């Protein structure tokens, strides 16, 4: 993942199709039923934060850690 002012780190589990996102504000959120191509598009984007917002706004999620 390229450096982002919005996202610190993203990871993806192909078996469960879960993408976990760590934000720069300290929040960690798990997104469910994420297609591998969606993860790859975000991971490889020139603007990771913008692509994340574009593709993930309607995905189901769970907050693992709230923002600091």
C-alpha atoms as a PDB file:
ATOM      1  CA  UNK A   1       0.000   0.000   0.000  1.00  0.00           C
ATOM      2  CA  UNK A   2       1.199   3.486  -0.864  1.00  0.00           C
ATOM      3  CA  UNK A   3       1.455   6.051   1.893  1.00  0.00           C
ATOM      4  CA  UNK A   4      -1.872   7.622   2.790  1.00  0.00           C
ATOM      5  CA  UNK A   5      -2.915  10.509   5.006  1.00  0.00           C
ATOM      6  CA  UNK A   6      -6.161   8.612   5.757  1.00  0.00           C
ATOM      7  CA  UNK A   7      -5.200   4.930   6.091  1.00  0.00           C
ATOM      8  CA  UNK A   8      -2.260   3.485   8.019  1.00  0.00           C
ATOM      9  CA  UNK A   9      -2.529  -0.151   6.913  1.00  0.00           C
ATOM     10  CA  UNK A  10      -4.856  -2.584   5.161  1.00  0.00           C
ATOM     11  CA  UNK A  11      -4.806  -6.359   5.212  1.00  0.00           C
ATOM     12  CA  UNK A  12      -6.952  -8.973   3.508  1.00  0.00           C
ATOM     13  CA  UNK A  13      -7.870 -12.578   4.279  1.00  0.00           C
ATOM     14  CA  UNK A  14      -8.826 -14.359   1.050  1.00  0.00           C
ATOM     15  CA  UNK A  15     -10.388 -17.285   2.908  1.00  0.00           C
ATOM     16  CA  UNK A  16     -12.868 -15.154   4.871  1.00  0.00           C
ATOM     17  CA  UNK A  17     -12.967 -12.221   2.397  1.00  0.00           C
ATOM     18  CA  UNK A  18     -12.402  -9.862   5.311  1.00  0.00           C
ATOM     19  CA  UNK A  19     -10.404  -6.678   4.878  1.00  0.00           C
ATOM     20  CA  UNK A  20      -9.062  -5.056   8.026  1.00  0.00           C
ATOM     21  CA  UNK A  21      -8.242  -1.366   7.890  1.00  0.00           C
ATOM     22  CA  UNK A  22      -6.170   0.608  10.390  1.00  0.00           C
ATOM     23  CA  UNK A  23      -6.801   4.328  10.122  1.00  0.00           C
ATOM     24  CA  UNK A  24      -4.366   7.086  11.010  1.00  0.00           C
ATOM     25  CA  UNK A  25      -6.689   8.219  13.820  1.00  0.00           C
ATOM     26  CA  UNK A  26      -6.190   4.861  15.582  1.00  0.00           C
ATOM     27  CA  UNK A  27      -9.457   3.204  14.542  1.00  0.00           C
ATOM     28  CA  UNK A  28      -9.381  -0.375  13.261  1.00  0.00           C
ATOM     29  CA  UNK A  29     -12.345  -1.635  11.248  1.00  0.00           C
ATOM     30  CA  UNK A  30     -13.080  -5.038   9.701  1.00  0.00           C
ATOM     31  CA  UNK A  31     -15.034  -5.060   6.420  1.00  0.00           C
ATOM     32  CA  UNK A  32     -16.881  -8.240   5.437  1.00  0.00           C
ATOM     33  CA  UNK A  33     -17.460  -9.972   2.088  1.00  0.00           C
ATOM     34  CA  UNK A  34     -14.843  -7.900   0.256  1.00  0.00           C
ATOM     35  CA  UNK A  35     -14.043  -9.180  -3.226  1.00  0.00           C
ATOM     36  CA  UNK A  36     -10.309  -9.753  -3.837  1.00  0.00           C
ATOM     37  CA  UNK A  37     -10.373  -7.309  -6.771  1.00  0.00           C
ATOM     38  CA  UNK A  38     -11.773  -4.609  -4.491  1.00  0.00           C
ATOM     39  CA  UNK A  39      -8.911  -5.102  -2.039  1.00  0.00           C
ATOM     40  CA  UNK A  40      -6.356  -5.095  -4.866  1.00  0.00           C
ATOM     41  CA  UNK A  41      -7.822  -1.915  -6.374  1.00  0.00           C
ATOM     42  CA  UNK A  42      -7.510  -0.128  -3.039  1.00  0.00           C
ATOM     43  CA  UNK A  43      -4.056  -1.528  -2.276  1.00  0.00           C
ATOM     44  CA  UNK A  44      -2.651  -0.492  -5.667  1.00  0.00           C
ATOM     45  CA  UNK A  45      -4.397   2.866  -6.078  1.00  0.00           C
ATOM     46  CA  UNK A  46      -2.443   6.086  -6.466  1.00  0.00           C
ATOM     47  CA  UNK A  47      -4.765   7.607  -3.871  1.00  0.00           C
ATOM     48  CA  UNK A  48      -5.495   4.772  -1.449  1.00  0.00           C
ATOM     49  CA  UNK A  49      -7.827   6.837   0.739  1.00  0.00           C
ATOM     50  CA  UNK A  50      -9.908   8.105  -2.182  1.00  0.00           C
ATOM     51  CA  UNK A  51     -10.238   4.622  -3.691  1.00  0.00           C
ATOM     52  CA  UNK A  52     -11.151   3.192  -0.281  1.00  0.00           C
ATOM     53  CA  UNK A  53     -13.936   5.762   0.156  1.00  0.00           C
ATOM     54  CA  UNK A  54     -15.184   5.167  -3.390  1.00  0.00           C
ATOM     55  CA  UNK A  55     -15.358   1.371  -3.098  1.00  0.00           C
ATOM     56  CA  UNK A  56     -16.179   0.700   0.551  1.00  0.00           C
ATOM     57  CA  UNK A  57     -18.956   3.108   1.504  1.00  0.00           C
ATOM     58  CA  UNK A  58     -21.697   0.421   1.281  1.00  0.00           C
ATOM     59  CA  UNK A  59     -19.839  -2.527   2.833  1.00  0.00           C
ATOM     60  CA  UNK A  60     -20.868  -4.105   6.118  1.00  0.00           C
ATOM     61  CA  UNK A  61     -18.275  -3.577   8.848  1.00  0.00           C
ATOM     62  CA  UNK A  62     -17.464  -4.017  12.511  1.00  0.00           C
ATOM     63  CA  UNK A  63     -15.432  -1.566  14.594  1.00  0.00           C
ATOM     64  CA  UNK A  64     -12.595  -3.512  16.222  1.00  0.00           C
ATOM     65  CA  UNK A  65     -11.044  -0.455  17.865  1.00  0.00           C
ATOM     66  CA  UNK A  66     -12.569   3.040  17.992  1.00  0.00           C
ATOM     67  CA  UNK A  67     -10.587   6.130  17.041  1.00  0.00           C
ATOM     68  CA  UNK A  68      -8.317   7.547  19.715  1.00  0.00           C
END
